[in-house]
Protein backbone atom coordinates (compact mmCIF):
# COMPACT_ATOMS: atom_id res chain seq x y z
CA UNK A 1 -17.97 -19.12 7.70
CA UNK A 2 -20.62 -18.12 5.29
CA UNK A 3 -21.29 -18.32 1.72
CA UNK A 4 -20.22 -14.61 1.10
CA UNK A 5 -16.70 -15.75 1.98
CA UNK A 6 -16.54 -18.46 -0.66
CA UNK A 7 -18.34 -16.25 -3.23
CA UNK A 8 -15.87 -13.50 -2.63
CA UNK A 9 -13.00 -15.78 -3.36
CA UNK A 10 -14.70 -17.21 -6.35
CA UNK A 11 -15.42 -13.61 -7.63
CA UNK A 12 -11.94 -12.54 -7.11
CA UNK A 13 -10.45 -15.56 -8.67
CA UNK A 14 -12.81 -15.17 -11.64
CA UNK A 15 -11.65 -11.51 -12.04
CA UNK A 16 -8.00 -12.44 -11.57
CA UNK A 17 -8.11 -14.77 -14.56
CA UNK A 18 -9.80 -11.95 -16.67
CA UNK A 19 -6.98 -9.41 -16.38
CA UNK A 20 -7.52 -8.08 -19.78
CA UNK A 21 -11.15 -7.09 -19.63
CA UNK A 22 -14.15 -6.26 -17.29
CA UNK A 23 -16.39 -9.07 -16.11
CA UNK A 24 -20.05 -8.72 -15.55
CA UNK A 25 -21.91 -9.79 -12.36
CA UNK A 26 -23.90 -12.17 -14.56
CA UNK A 27 -20.76 -13.82 -15.87
CA UNK A 28 -19.45 -14.28 -12.35
CA UNK A 29 -22.83 -15.50 -11.07
CA UNK A 30 -23.00 -18.12 -13.81
CA UNK A 31 -19.45 -19.36 -12.95
CA UNK A 32 -20.47 -19.50 -9.21
CA UNK A 33 -23.89 -21.11 -9.76
CA UNK A 34 -25.79 -18.49 -7.81
CA UNK A 35 -28.28 -15.73 -8.56
CA UNK A 36 -26.67 -12.54 -9.88
CA UNK A 37 -28.03 -10.53 -7.00
CA UNK A 38 -26.10 -12.60 -4.51
CA UNK A 39 -22.80 -11.92 -6.39
CA UNK A 40 -23.76 -8.16 -6.83
CA UNK A 41 -24.01 -8.19 -2.85
CA UNK A 42 -20.56 -9.67 -2.52
CA UNK A 43 -19.09 -7.48 -5.42
CA UNK A 44 -20.39 -4.36 -3.63
CA UNK A 45 -18.60 -5.46 -0.58
CA UNK A 46 -15.35 -6.19 -2.37
CA UNK A 47 -15.60 -2.75 -4.12
CA UNK A 48 -16.22 -0.92 -0.89
CA UNK A 49 -12.97 -2.39 0.39
CA UNK A 50 -11.25 -1.51 -2.69
CA UNK A 51 -10.39 -5.02 -3.93
CA UNK A 52 -12.09 -4.46 -7.19
CA UNK A 53 -13.10 -1.58 -9.32
CA UNK A 54 -16.32 -1.15 -11.24
CA UNK A 55 -17.42 0.64 -14.50
CA UNK A 56 -21.16 1.14 -15.34
CA UNK A 57 -22.75 1.16 -18.75
CA UNK A 58 -21.80 -0.66 -21.95
CA UNK A 59 -18.50 -2.41 -21.85
CA UNK A 60 -18.69 -2.11 -18.05
CA UNK A 61 -18.22 -4.53 -15.21
CA UNK A 62 -15.75 -5.48 -12.58
CA UNK A 63 -12.04 -5.86 -12.54
CA UNK A 64 -9.38 -6.64 -9.85
CA UNK A 65 -7.84 -3.54 -8.54
CA UNK A 66 -4.77 -4.86 -6.55
CA UNK A 67 -1.92 -7.14 -7.19
CA UNK A 68 -3.04 -10.72 -6.67
CA UNK A 69 -0.48 -11.37 -4.09
CA UNK A 70 -1.54 -8.47 -1.97
CA UNK A 71 -4.88 -10.14 -1.17
CA UNK A 72 -4.82 -13.00 1.21
CA UNK A 73 -7.91 -15.15 2.32
CA UNK A 74 -7.82 -13.61 5.82
CA UNK A 75 -8.41 -10.32 4.36
CA UNK A 76 -11.49 -11.67 2.62
CA UNK A 77 -12.64 -13.55 5.76
CA UNK A 78 -12.42 -10.46 7.85
CA UNK A 79 -14.90 -8.42 5.69
CA UNK A 80 -17.31 -11.33 4.93
CA UNK A 81 -17.35 -13.56 7.93
CA UNK A 82 -15.47 -12.26 10.95
CA UNK A 83 -17.23 -13.40 14.02
CA UNK A 84 -18.91 -16.29 12.25
CA UNK A 85 -17.32 -18.82 14.55
CA UNK A 86 -18.86 -17.39 17.75
CA UNK A 87 -21.19 -19.79 19.36
CA UNK A 88 -24.79 -18.92 19.55
CA UNK A 89 -25.62 -19.74 23.14
CA UNK A 90 -29.26 -19.79 24.36
CA UNK A 91 -30.11 -17.82 27.53
CA UNK A 92 -28.93 -20.02 30.26
CA UNK A 93 -29.70 -20.51 33.94
CA UNK A 94 -27.47 -17.82 35.59
CA UNK A 95 -27.77 -19.53 38.90
CA UNK A 96 -26.07 -22.69 37.47
CA UNK A 97 -22.24 -22.59 37.27
CA UNK A 98 -22.41 -24.19 33.67
CA UNK A 99 -25.28 -21.81 32.59
CA UNK A 100 -23.55 -18.80 34.10
CA UNK A 101 -20.24 -19.46 32.41
CA UNK A 102 -20.82 -21.38 29.14
CA UNK A 103 -21.10 -18.38 26.77
CA UNK A 104 -17.97 -16.74 28.03
CA UNK A 105 -16.07 -20.10 27.85
CA UNK A 106 -17.12 -21.01 24.33
CA UNK A 107 -16.58 -17.52 23.11
CA UNK A 108 -13.03 -17.67 24.30
CA UNK A 109 -12.38 -21.08 22.69
CA UNK A 110 -13.87 -19.92 19.41
CA UNK A 111 -12.21 -16.61 19.34
CA UNK A 112 -8.83 -18.51 19.79
CA UNK A 113 -9.94 -20.97 17.01
CA UNK A 114 -10.69 -17.81 14.70
CA UNK A 115 -7.33 -16.42 15.49
CA UNK A 116 -5.52 -19.59 14.35
CA UNK A 117 -7.68 -19.97 11.42
CA UNK A 118 -6.59 -16.38 10.38
CA UNK A 119 -3.03 -17.23 10.75
CA UNK A 120 -3.49 -20.11 8.46
CA UNK A 121 -5.59 -18.03 5.83
CA UNK A 122 -2.93 -15.28 5.72
CA UNK A 123 -0.67 -17.81 4.00
CA UNK A 124 -3.03 -18.06 1.08
CA UNK A 125 -3.26 -15.27 -1.35
CA UNK A 126 -5.53 -14.78 -4.44
CA UNK A 127 -2.51 -15.29 -6.63
CA UNK A 128 -2.09 -18.79 -4.91
CA UNK A 129 -5.76 -19.54 -5.27
CA UNK A 130 -5.39 -18.74 -9.23
CA UNK A 131 -2.36 -21.00 -9.34
CA UNK A 132 -4.30 -23.73 -7.79
CA UNK A 133 -7.20 -23.41 -9.96
CA UNK A 134 -4.95 -23.45 -12.97
CA UNK A 135 -3.20 -26.65 -11.91
CA UNK A 136 -6.62 -28.61 -12.00
CA UNK A 137 -7.22 -27.69 -15.78
């Protein structure tokens, strides 16, 4: 999992709490505590996949484009981190039974882990993340 995943969830949650107005990448980056360029990269990805809309110019910014219950964390994971759990195996000795098979074995295990994680993440929508954030106030 990479930071784009958490920044995407942070951004969507921030936008979900600003339903009545556009939010700037600067405001979101201040909330997330990262440079605005990092947030803009994530926002661009979210826009490309139609999770958010944007408007340029004065009064512009970003706004959530979907119903909060339509976006689950697996949707976000797939566009930001899919394959991140795949093991990075060095070139191994193909003449050794371990070296010849380790990448295949580990990839199978980690692919299964990612599938299980996906089933778990599907149970959480941005609406639920917003509710959890609001409980902490």
